Amino acid sequence: MPYETQQCEVEPDVSAPEFPVQFCPVCSLWLEPRRCKMICPQCGYFMSCSDYE
């Protein structure tokens, strides 16, 4: 039985590039920017501007 290939119909959103630094290393949630910090709304992890520059 031959395998059929299917094309993905969903195109990636390239308007907003994602970078690993934008995600919490503890729970993988999106970090929210607040002043000069990136804060995880779920677990409270944060990075200051000097950590990701």
Protein backbone atom coordinates (compact mmCIF):
# COMPACT_ATOMS: atom_id res chain seq x y z
CA MET A 1 0.00 0.00 0.00
CA PRO A 2 1.73 3.23 -1.11
CA TYR A 3 1.98 6.16 1.26
CA GLU A 4 0.33 9.38 0.24
CA THR A 5 2.05 12.65 0.96
CA GLN A 6 -0.04 15.52 2.19
CA GLN A 7 0.83 19.17 2.04
CA CYS A 8 0.36 21.28 5.12
CA GLU A 9 -2.20 23.96 4.35
CA VAL A 10 -1.26 26.16 7.30
CA GLU A 11 1.49 28.63 6.52
CA PRO A 12 3.77 29.80 9.32
CA ASP A 13 3.35 33.35 10.57
CA VAL A 14 6.56 35.06 9.49
CA SER A 15 5.41 38.55 10.47
CA ALA A 16 6.54 38.06 14.09
CA PRO A 17 9.74 36.03 14.36
CA GLU A 18 10.11 33.97 17.52
CA PHE A 19 13.38 33.72 19.39
CA PRO A 20 14.25 31.21 22.12
CA VAL A 21 14.84 34.04 24.58
CA GLN A 22 11.13 34.91 24.35
CA PHE A 23 10.12 31.65 26.09
CA CYS A 24 10.39 30.67 29.75
CA PRO A 25 13.13 28.05 30.28
CA VAL A 26 11.15 26.62 33.23
CA CYS A 27 7.64 26.12 31.80
CA SER A 28 8.03 27.12 28.10
CA LEU A 29 5.35 29.81 28.24
CA TRP A 30 5.77 33.09 26.32
CA LEU A 31 7.62 35.70 28.41
CA GLU A 32 5.84 39.05 28.72
CA PRO A 33 7.92 42.24 28.39
CA ARG A 34 7.58 44.62 31.35
CA ARG A 35 9.85 47.65 31.51
CA CYS A 36 13.34 46.20 31.37
CA LYS A 37 12.35 42.63 32.21
CA MET A 38 10.84 39.60 30.53
CA ILE A 39 8.48 37.89 33.02
CA CYS A 40 6.70 34.53 32.87
CA PRO A 41 3.05 35.01 33.92
CA GLN A 42 2.74 31.35 34.99
CA CYS A 43 5.79 30.55 37.12
CA GLY A 44 7.24 34.01 37.82
CA TYR A 45 10.61 33.41 36.15
CA PHE A 46 12.16 36.63 34.90
CA MET A 47 15.16 37.95 33.02
CA SER A 48 16.43 41.50 33.17
CA CYS A 49 17.56 43.39 30.07
CA SER A 50 21.20 42.65 30.84
CA ASP A 51 20.45 38.89 30.74
CA TYR A 52 19.25 38.84 27.13
CA GLU A 53 21.32 41.55 25.44
